[in-house]
PDB file of all heavy atoms in Angstrom:
ATOM      1  N   ASN A   1       3.169   3.919   7.642  1.00  0.00           N
ATOM      2  CA  ASN A   1       4.123   4.731   8.390  1.00  0.00           C
ATOM      3  C   ASN A   1       5.496   4.117   8.162  1.00  0.00           C
ATOM      4  O   ASN A   1       5.876   3.139   8.802  1.00  0.00           O
ATOM      5  CB  ASN A   1       3.760   4.740   9.875  1.00  0.00           C
ATOM      6  CG  ASN A   1       4.613   5.723  10.670  1.00  0.00           C
ATOM      7  OD1 ASN A   1       5.331   6.544  10.100  1.00  0.00           O
ATOM      8  ND2 ASN A   1       4.538   5.623  11.984  1.00  0.00           N
ATOM      9  N   LYS A   2       6.246   4.658   7.202  1.00  0.00           N
ATOM     10  CA  LYS A   2       7.545   4.092   6.836  1.00  0.00           C
ATOM     11  C   LYS A   2       8.603   4.470   7.873  1.00  0.00           C
ATOM     12  O   LYS A   2       8.755   5.649   8.200  1.00  0.00           O
ATOM     13  CB  LYS A   2       7.979   4.596   5.457  1.00  0.00           C
ATOM     14  CG  LYS A   2       9.251   3.906   4.943  1.00  0.00           C
ATOM     15  CD  LYS A   2       9.766   4.562   3.683  1.00  0.00           C
ATOM     16  CE  LYS A   2      10.623   5.771   3.970  1.00  0.00           C
ATOM     17  NZ  LYS A   2      11.916   5.426   4.637  1.00  0.00           N
ATOM     18  N   PRO A   3       9.344   3.497   8.359  1.00  0.00           N
ATOM     19  CA  PRO A   3      10.417   3.829   9.312  1.00  0.00           C
ATOM     20  C   PRO A   3      11.638   4.400   8.603  1.00  0.00           C
ATOM     21  O   PRO A   3      11.879   4.119   7.418  1.00  0.00           O
ATOM     22  CB  PRO A   3      10.741   2.478   9.958  1.00  0.00           C
ATOM     23  CG  PRO A   3      10.398   1.472   8.895  1.00  0.00           C
ATOM     24  CD  PRO A   3       9.217   2.045   8.151  1.00  0.00           C
ATOM     25  N   SER A   4      12.388   5.197   9.305  1.00  0.00           N
ATOM     26  CA  SER A   4      13.642   5.710   8.769  1.00  0.00           C
ATOM     27  C   SER A   4      14.600   4.552   8.495  1.00  0.00           C
ATOM     28  O   SER A   4      14.668   3.590   9.257  1.00  0.00           O
ATOM     29  CB  SER A   4      14.272   6.670   9.777  1.00  0.00           C
ATOM     30  OG  SER A   4      15.566   7.056   9.362  1.00  0.00           O
ATOM     31  N   GLY A   5      15.329   4.646   7.392  1.00  0.00           N
ATOM     32  CA  GLY A   5      16.315   3.627   7.042  1.00  0.00           C
ATOM     33  C   GLY A   5      15.826   2.638   6.012  1.00  0.00           C
ATOM     34  O   GLY A   5      16.643   1.952   5.378  1.00  0.00           O
ATOM     35  N   LEU A   6      14.522   2.523   5.822  1.00  0.00           N
ATOM     36  CA  LEU A   6      13.968   1.545   4.885  1.00  0.00           C
ATOM     37  C   LEU A   6      13.712   2.206   3.538  1.00  0.00           C
ATOM     38  O   LEU A   6      13.003   3.204   3.446  1.00  0.00           O
ATOM     39  CB  LEU A   6      12.675   0.955   5.441  1.00  0.00           C
ATOM     40  CG  LEU A   6      11.988  -0.117   4.580  1.00  0.00           C
ATOM     41  CD1 LEU A   6      12.897  -1.311   4.361  1.00  0.00           C
ATOM     42  CD2 LEU A   6      10.669  -0.541   5.217  1.00  0.00           C
ATOM     43  N   GLN A   7      14.277   1.634   2.493  1.00  0.00           N
ATOM     44  CA  GLN A   7      14.109   2.169   1.146  1.00  0.00           C
ATOM     45  C   GLN A   7      12.753   1.756   0.585  1.00  0.00           C
ATOM     46  O   GLN A   7      12.249   0.668   0.888  1.00  0.00           O
ATOM     47  CB  GLN A   7      15.243   1.655   0.248  1.00  0.00           C
ATOM     48  CG  GLN A   7      15.348   2.331  -1.096  1.00  0.00           C
ATOM     49  CD  GLN A   7      16.757   2.247  -1.660  1.00  0.00           C
ATOM     50  OE1 GLN A   7      17.711   2.739  -1.052  1.00  0.00           O
ATOM     51  NE2 GLN A   7      16.893   1.640  -2.820  1.00  0.00           N
ATOM     52  N   VAL A   8      12.168   2.605  -0.262  1.00  0.00           N
ATOM     53  CA  VAL A   8      10.841   2.320  -0.811  1.00  0.00           C
ATOM     54  C   VAL A   8      10.921   1.325  -1.968  1.00  0.00           C
ATOM     55  O   VAL A   8      10.237   0.292  -1.976  1.00  0.00           O
ATOM     56  CB  VAL A   8      10.154   3.618  -1.281  1.00  0.00           C
ATOM     57  CG1 VAL A   8       8.826   3.303  -1.975  1.00  0.00           C
ATOM     58  CG2 VAL A   8       9.915   4.541  -0.092  1.00  0.00           C
ATOM     59  N   LEU A   9      11.764   1.602  -2.963  1.00  0.00           N
ATOM     60  CA  LEU A   9      11.893   0.757  -4.154  1.00  0.00           C
ATOM     61  C   LEU A   9      13.318   0.242  -4.287  1.00  0.00           C
ATOM     62  O   LEU A   9      14.254   0.847  -3.746  1.00  0.00           O
ATOM     63  CB  LEU A   9      11.513   1.550  -5.408  1.00  0.00           C
ATOM     64  CG  LEU A   9      10.085   2.123  -5.454  1.00  0.00           C
ATOM     65  CD1 LEU A   9       9.902   2.957  -6.710  1.00  0.00           C
ATOM     66  CD2 LEU A   9       9.047   1.021  -5.375  1.00  0.00           C
ATOM     67  N   PRO A  10      13.524  -0.866  -5.008  1.00  0.00           N
ATOM     68  CA  PRO A  10      14.874  -1.408  -5.175  1.00  0.00           C
ATOM     69  C   PRO A  10      15.813  -0.411  -5.842  1.00  0.00           C
ATOM     70  O   PRO A  10      15.416   0.340  -6.734  1.00  0.00           O
ATOM     71  CB  PRO A  10      14.651  -2.637  -6.072  1.00  0.00           C
ATOM     72  CG  PRO A  10      13.229  -3.019  -5.862  1.00  0.00           C
ATOM     73  CD  PRO A  10      12.503  -1.721  -5.646  1.00  0.00           C
ATOM     74  N   GLY A  11      17.067  -0.430  -5.393  1.00  0.00           N
ATOM     75  CA  GLY A  11      18.086   0.434  -5.977  1.00  0.00           C
ATOM     76  C   GLY A  11      19.380   0.320  -5.207  1.00  0.00           C
ATOM     77  O   GLY A  11      19.367   0.174  -3.984  1.00  0.00           O
ATOM     78  N   GLY A  12      20.507   0.340  -5.909  1.00  0.00           N
ATOM     79  CA  GLY A  12      21.808   0.272  -5.250  1.00  0.00           C
ATOM     80  C   GLY A  12      21.980  -1.015  -4.461  1.00  0.00           C
ATOM     81  O   GLY A  12      21.703  -2.112  -4.950  1.00  0.00           O
ATOM     82  N   LEU A  13      22.413  -0.882  -3.208  1.00  0.00           N
ATOM     83  CA  LEU A  13      22.640  -2.060  -2.359  1.00  0.00           C
ATOM     84  C   LEU A  13      21.338  -2.707  -1.908  1.00  0.00           C
ATOM     85  O   LEU A  13      21.335  -3.853  -1.455  1.00  0.00           O
ATOM     86  CB  LEU A  13      23.451  -1.657  -1.127  1.00  0.00           C
ATOM     87  CG  LEU A  13      24.889  -1.204  -1.373  1.00  0.00           C
ATOM     88  CD1 LEU A  13      25.517  -0.748  -0.065  1.00  0.00           C
ATOM     89  CD2 LEU A  13      25.712  -2.324  -1.985  1.00  0.00           C
ATOM     90  N   PHE A  14      20.224  -1.981  -2.023  1.00  0.00           N
ATOM     91  CA  PHE A  14      18.946  -2.472  -1.501  1.00  0.00           C
ATOM     92  C   PHE A  14      18.073  -2.988  -2.638  1.00  0.00           C
ATOM     93  O   PHE A  14      17.381  -2.217  -3.308  1.00  0.00           O
ATOM     94  CB  PHE A  14      18.226  -1.368  -0.730  1.00  0.00           C
ATOM     95  CG  PHE A  14      18.977  -0.890   0.480  1.00  0.00           C
ATOM     96  CD1 PHE A  14      19.844   0.190   0.392  1.00  0.00           C
ATOM     97  CD2 PHE A  14      18.833  -1.535   1.701  1.00  0.00           C
ATOM     98  CE1 PHE A  14      20.538   0.626   1.496  1.00  0.00           C
ATOM     99  CE2 PHE A  14      19.537  -1.104   2.819  1.00  0.00           C
ATOM    100  CZ  PHE A  14      20.391  -0.022   2.719  1.00  0.00           C
ATOM    101  N   GLN A  15      18.129  -4.293  -2.864  1.00  0.00           N
ATOM    102  CA  GLN A  15      17.313  -4.905  -3.901  1.00  0.00           C
ATOM    103  C   GLN A  15      16.135  -5.679  -3.320  1.00  0.00           C
ATOM    104  O   GLN A  15      15.106  -5.821  -3.967  1.00  0.00           O
ATOM    105  CB  GLN A  15      18.174  -5.845  -4.758  1.00  0.00           C
ATOM    106  CG  GLN A  15      19.234  -5.132  -5.559  1.00  0.00           C
ATOM    107  CD  GLN A  15      18.655  -4.165  -6.576  1.00  0.00           C
ATOM    108  OE1 GLN A  15      17.643  -4.447  -7.215  1.00  0.00           O
ATOM    109  NE2 GLN A  15      19.298  -3.018  -6.755  1.00  0.00           N
ATOM    110  N   GLN A  16      16.288  -6.172  -2.111  1.00  0.00           N
ATOM    111  CA  GLN A  16      15.218  -6.930  -1.469  1.00  0.00           C
ATOM    112  C   GLN A  16      14.657  -6.190  -0.255  1.00  0.00           C
ATOM    113  O   GLN A  16      13.437  -6.160  -0.052  1.00  0.00           O
ATOM    114  CB  GLN A  16      15.719  -8.309  -1.038  1.00  0.00           C
ATOM    115  CG  GLN A  16      14.632  -9.176  -0.407  1.00  0.00           C
ATOM    116  CD  GLN A  16      15.169 -10.523   0.026  1.00  0.00           C
ATOM    117  OE1 GLN A  16      16.004 -10.607   0.926  1.00  0.00           O
ATOM    118  NE2 GLN A  16      14.711 -11.585  -0.628  1.00  0.00           N
ATOM    119  N   ARG A  17      15.496  -5.582   0.526  1.00  0.00           N
ATOM    120  CA  ARG A  17      15.067  -4.946   1.772  1.00  0.00           C
ATOM    121  C   ARG A  17      14.439  -3.586   1.487  1.00  0.00           C
ATOM    122  O   ARG A  17      15.041  -2.532   1.703  1.00  0.00           O
ATOM    123  CB  ARG A  17      16.240  -4.847   2.748  1.00  0.00           C
ATOM    124  CG  ARG A  17      16.786  -6.229   3.118  1.00  0.00           C
ATOM    125  CD  ARG A  17      17.850  -6.182   4.180  1.00  0.00           C
ATOM    126  NE  ARG A  17      18.289  -7.535   4.504  1.00  0.00           N
ATOM    127  CZ  ARG A  17      19.074  -7.865   5.523  1.00  0.00           C
ATOM    128  NH1 ARG A  17      19.511  -6.911   6.346  1.00  0.00           N
ATOM    129  NH2 ARG A  17      19.413  -9.106   5.744  1.00  0.00           N
ATOM    130  N   THR A  18      13.191  -3.638   0.988  1.00  0.00           N
ATOM    131  CA  THR A  18      12.457  -2.447   0.595  1.00  0.00           C
ATOM    132  C   THR A  18      11.002  -2.565   1.046  1.00  0.00           C
ATOM    133  O   THR A  18      10.514  -3.658   1.372  1.00  0.00           O
ATOM    134  CB  THR A  18      12.472  -2.257  -0.927  1.00  0.00           C
ATOM    135  OG1 THR A  18      11.745  -3.336  -1.541  1.00  0.00           O
ATOM    136  CG2 THR A  18      13.899  -2.228  -1.473  1.00  0.00           C
ATOM    137  N   VAL A  19      10.310  -1.432   1.035  1.00  0.00           N
ATOM    138  CA  VAL A  19       8.871  -1.433   1.311  1.00  0.00           C
ATOM    139  C   VAL A  19       8.142  -2.291   0.282  1.00  0.00           C
ATOM    140  O   VAL A  19       7.237  -3.064   0.618  1.00  0.00           O
ATOM    141  CB  VAL A  19       8.313   0.007   1.281  1.00  0.00           C
ATOM    142  CG1 VAL A  19       6.789  -0.013   1.369  1.00  0.00           C
ATOM    143  CG2 VAL A  19       8.897   0.838   2.405  1.00  0.00           C
ATOM    144  N   LEU A  20       8.541  -2.177  -0.980  1.00  0.00           N
ATOM    145  CA  LEU A  20       7.869  -2.921  -2.050  1.00  0.00           C
ATOM    146  C   LEU A  20       7.916  -4.422  -1.793  1.00  0.00           C
ATOM    147  O   LEU A  20       6.929  -5.128  -1.993  1.00  0.00           O
ATOM    148  CB  LEU A  20       8.516  -2.591  -3.395  1.00  0.00           C
ATOM    149  CG  LEU A  20       7.831  -3.207  -4.619  1.00  0.00           C
ATOM    150  CD1 LEU A  20       6.404  -2.694  -4.760  1.00  0.00           C
ATOM    151  CD2 LEU A  20       8.637  -2.906  -5.887  1.00  0.00           C
ATOM    152  N   THR A  21       9.054  -4.919  -1.326  1.00  0.00           N
ATOM    153  CA  THR A  21       9.166  -6.351  -1.037  1.00  0.00           C
ATOM    154  C   THR A  21       8.201  -6.771   0.060  1.00  0.00           C
ATOM    155  O   THR A  21       7.520  -7.791  -0.049  1.00  0.00           O
ATOM    156  CB  THR A  21      10.603  -6.703  -0.625  1.00  0.00           C
ATOM    157  OG1 THR A  21      11.491  -6.426  -1.709  1.00  0.00           O
ATOM    158  CG2 THR A  21      10.720  -8.185  -0.258  1.00  0.00           C
ATOM    159  N   GLN A  22       8.116  -5.989   1.132  1.00  0.00           N
ATOM    160  CA  GLN A  22       7.199  -6.335   2.223  1.00  0.00           C
ATOM    161  C   GLN A  22       5.748  -6.326   1.746  1.00  0.00           C
ATOM    162  O   GLN A  22       4.940  -7.161   2.162  1.00  0.00           O
ATOM    163  CB  GLN A  22       7.384  -5.378   3.399  1.00  0.00           C
ATOM    164  CG  GLN A  22       8.694  -5.553   4.165  1.00  0.00           C
ATOM    165  CD  GLN A  22       8.772  -6.870   4.925  1.00  0.00           C
ATOM    166  OE1 GLN A  22       7.790  -7.607   5.043  1.00  0.00           O
ATOM    167  NE2 GLN A  22       9.960  -7.176   5.448  1.00  0.00           N
ATOM    168  N   LEU A  23       5.396  -5.402   0.858  1.00  0.00           N
ATOM    169  CA  LEU A  23       4.049  -5.381   0.305  1.00  0.00           C
ATOM    170  C   LEU A  23       3.780  -6.632  -0.523  1.00  0.00           C
ATOM    171  O   LEU A  23       2.693  -7.217  -0.460  1.00  0.00           O
ATOM    172  CB  LEU A  23       3.848  -4.126  -0.553  1.00  0.00           C
ATOM    173  CG  LEU A  23       3.754  -2.804   0.203  1.00  0.00           C
ATOM    174  CD1 LEU A  23       3.800  -1.631  -0.772  1.00  0.00           C
ATOM    175  CD2 LEU A  23       2.484  -2.747   1.040  1.00  0.00           C
ATOM    176  N   CYS A  24       4.766  -7.061  -1.303  1.00  0.00           N
ATOM    177  CA  CYS A  24       4.629  -8.296  -2.098  1.00  0.00           C
ATOM    178  C   CYS A  24       4.446  -9.507  -1.194  1.00  0.00           C
ATOM    179  O   CYS A  24       3.581 -10.356  -1.435  1.00  0.00           O
ATOM    180  CB  CYS A  24       5.856  -8.496  -2.981  1.00  0.00           C
ATOM    181  SG  CYS A  24       6.061  -7.294  -4.298  1.00  0.00           S
ATOM    182  N   TRP A  25       5.268  -9.585  -0.152  1.00  0.00           N
ATOM    183  CA  TRP A  25       5.172 -10.726   0.760  1.00  0.00           C
ATOM    184  C   TRP A  25       3.839 -10.750   1.493  1.00  0.00           C
ATOM    185  O   TRP A  25       3.260 -11.816   1.715  1.00  0.00           O
ATOM    186  CB  TRP A  25       6.322 -10.678   1.770  1.00  0.00           C
ATOM    187  CG  TRP A  25       7.659 -10.997   1.190  1.00  0.00           C
ATOM    188  CD1 TRP A  25       7.922 -11.520  -0.044  1.00  0.00           C
ATOM    189  CD2 TRP A  25       8.934 -10.821   1.812  1.00  0.00           C
ATOM    190  NE1 TRP A  25       9.274 -11.671  -0.236  1.00  0.00           N
ATOM    191  CE2 TRP A  25       9.921 -11.253   0.894  1.00  0.00           C
ATOM    192  CE3 TRP A  25       9.343 -10.328   3.054  1.00  0.00           C
ATOM    193  CZ2 TRP A  25      11.278 -11.215   1.189  1.00  0.00           C
ATOM    194  CZ3 TRP A  25      10.697 -10.289   3.353  1.00  0.00           C
ATOM    195  CH2 TRP A  25      11.655 -10.736   2.427  1.00  0.00           C
ATOM    196  N   SER A  26       3.342  -9.580   1.862  1.00  0.00           N
ATOM    197  CA  SER A  26       2.103  -9.534   2.640  1.00  0.00           C
ATOM    198  C   SER A  26       0.918 -10.044   1.842  1.00  0.00           C
ATOM    199  O   SER A  26       0.031 -10.710   2.376  1.00  0.00           O
ATOM    200  CB  SER A  26       1.834  -8.104   3.121  1.00  0.00           C
ATOM    201  OG  SER A  26       1.477  -7.262   2.042  1.00  0.00           O
ATOM    202  N   ILE A  27       0.882  -9.755   0.551  1.00  0.00           N
ATOM    203  CA  ILE A  27      -0.269 -10.141  -0.263  1.00  0.00           C
ATOM    204  C   ILE A  27      -0.269 -11.634  -0.538  1.00  0.00           C
ATOM    205  O   ILE A  27      -1.317 -12.242  -0.783  1.00  0.00           O
ATOM    206  CB  ILE A  27      -0.297  -9.336  -1.587  1.00  0.00           C
ATOM    207  CG1 ILE A  27      -1.735  -9.209  -2.109  1.00  0.00           C
ATOM    208  CG2 ILE A  27       0.593  -9.954  -2.623  1.00  0.00           C
ATOM    209  CD1 ILE A  27      -2.610  -8.331  -1.259  1.00  0.00           C
ATOM    210  N   LYS A  28       0.919 -12.259  -0.495  1.00  0.00           N
ATOM    211  CA  LYS A  28       0.996 -13.697  -0.761  1.00  0.00           C
ATOM    212  C   LYS A  28       0.293 -14.510   0.319  1.00  0.00           C
ATOM    213  O   LYS A  28      -0.111 -15.653   0.084  1.00  0.00           O
ATOM    214  CB  LYS A  28       2.461 -14.141  -0.863  1.00  0.00           C
ATOM    215  CG  LYS A  28       3.161 -13.664  -2.119  1.00  0.00           C
ATOM    216  CD  LYS A  28       4.597 -14.148  -2.165  1.00  0.00           C
ATOM    217  CE  LYS A  28       5.292 -13.673  -3.430  1.00  0.00           C
ATOM    218  NZ  LYS A  28       6.720 -14.122  -3.471  1.00  0.00           N
ATOM    219  N   LYS A  29       0.131 -13.924   1.509  1.00  0.00           N
ATOM    220  CA  LYS A  29      -0.514 -14.645   2.610  1.00  0.00           C
ATOM    221  C   LYS A  29      -2.024 -14.498   2.573  1.00  0.00           C
ATOM    222  O   LYS A  29      -2.725 -15.089   3.389  1.00  0.00           O
ATOM    223  CB  LYS A  29       0.024 -14.128   3.945  1.00  0.00           C
ATOM    224  CG  LYS A  29       1.517 -14.337   4.119  1.00  0.00           C
ATOM    225  CD  LYS A  29       1.948 -14.031   5.539  1.00  0.00           C
ATOM    226  CE  LYS A  29       1.734 -12.590   5.904  1.00  0.00           C
ATOM    227  NZ  LYS A  29       2.234 -12.274   7.266  1.00  0.00           N
ATOM    228  N   GLN A  30      -2.531 -13.711   1.605  1.00  0.00           N
ATOM    229  CA  GLN A  30      -3.963 -13.473   1.530  1.00  0.00           C
ATOM    230  C   GLN A  30      -4.589 -14.266   0.393  1.00  0.00           C
ATOM    231  O   GLN A  30      -3.915 -14.925  -0.385  1.00  0.00           O
ATOM    232  CB  GLN A  30      -4.223 -11.977   1.320  1.00  0.00           C
ATOM    233  CG  GLN A  30      -3.664 -11.108   2.434  1.00  0.00           C
ATOM    234  CD  GLN A  30      -3.957  -9.640   2.179  1.00  0.00           C
ATOM    235  OE1 GLN A  30      -4.955  -9.295   1.583  1.00  0.00           O
ATOM    236  NE2 GLN A  30      -3.073  -8.783   2.639  1.00  0.00           N
ATOM    237  N   ASN A  31      -5.896 -14.156   0.309  1.00  0.00           N
ATOM    238  CA  ASN A  31      -6.614 -14.791  -0.780  1.00  0.00           C
ATOM    239  C   ASN A  31      -6.293 -14.065  -2.081  1.00  0.00           C
ATOM    240  O   ASN A  31      -5.768 -12.949  -2.077  1.00  0.00           O
ATOM    241  CB  ASN A  31      -8.119 -14.732  -0.516  1.00  0.00           C
ATOM    242  CG  ASN A  31      -8.509 -15.561   0.698  1.00  0.00           C
ATOM    243  OD1 ASN A  31      -7.920 -16.610   0.937  1.00  0.00           O
ATOM    244  ND2 ASN A  31      -9.480 -15.087   1.454  1.00  0.00           N
ATOM    245  N   PRO A  32      -6.601 -14.666  -3.246  1.00  0.00           N
ATOM    246  CA  PRO A  32      -6.363 -13.976  -4.510  1.00  0.00           C
ATOM    247  C   PRO A  32      -7.011 -12.590  -4.497  1.00  0.00           C
ATOM    248  O   PRO A  32      -8.093 -12.413  -3.937  1.00  0.00           O
ATOM    249  CB  PRO A  32      -7.034 -14.888  -5.538  1.00  0.00           C
ATOM    250  CG  PRO A  32      -6.987 -16.246  -4.912  1.00  0.00           C
ATOM    251  CD  PRO A  32      -7.163 -16.003  -3.439  1.00  0.00           C
ATOM    252  N   PRO A  33      -6.366 -11.590  -5.088  1.00  0.00           N
ATOM    253  CA  PRO A  33      -6.897 -10.225  -5.048  1.00  0.00           C
ATOM    254  C   PRO A  33      -8.239 -10.110  -5.754  1.00  0.00           C
ATOM    255  O   PRO A  33      -8.577 -10.905  -6.621  1.00  0.00           O
ATOM    256  CB  PRO A  33      -5.814  -9.412  -5.769  1.00  0.00           C
ATOM    257  CG  PRO A  33      -5.108 -10.405  -6.639  1.00  0.00           C
ATOM    258  CD  PRO A  33      -5.128 -11.688  -5.870  1.00  0.00           C
TER     259      PRO A  33
END
């Protein structure tokens, strides 16, 4: 459930603050895929 205001993929001013970044960070806390 994506909140309003959050960009999905990097682009323009938003290179880190994206859904993709949060997905990357979340998997790092788990065991190897």
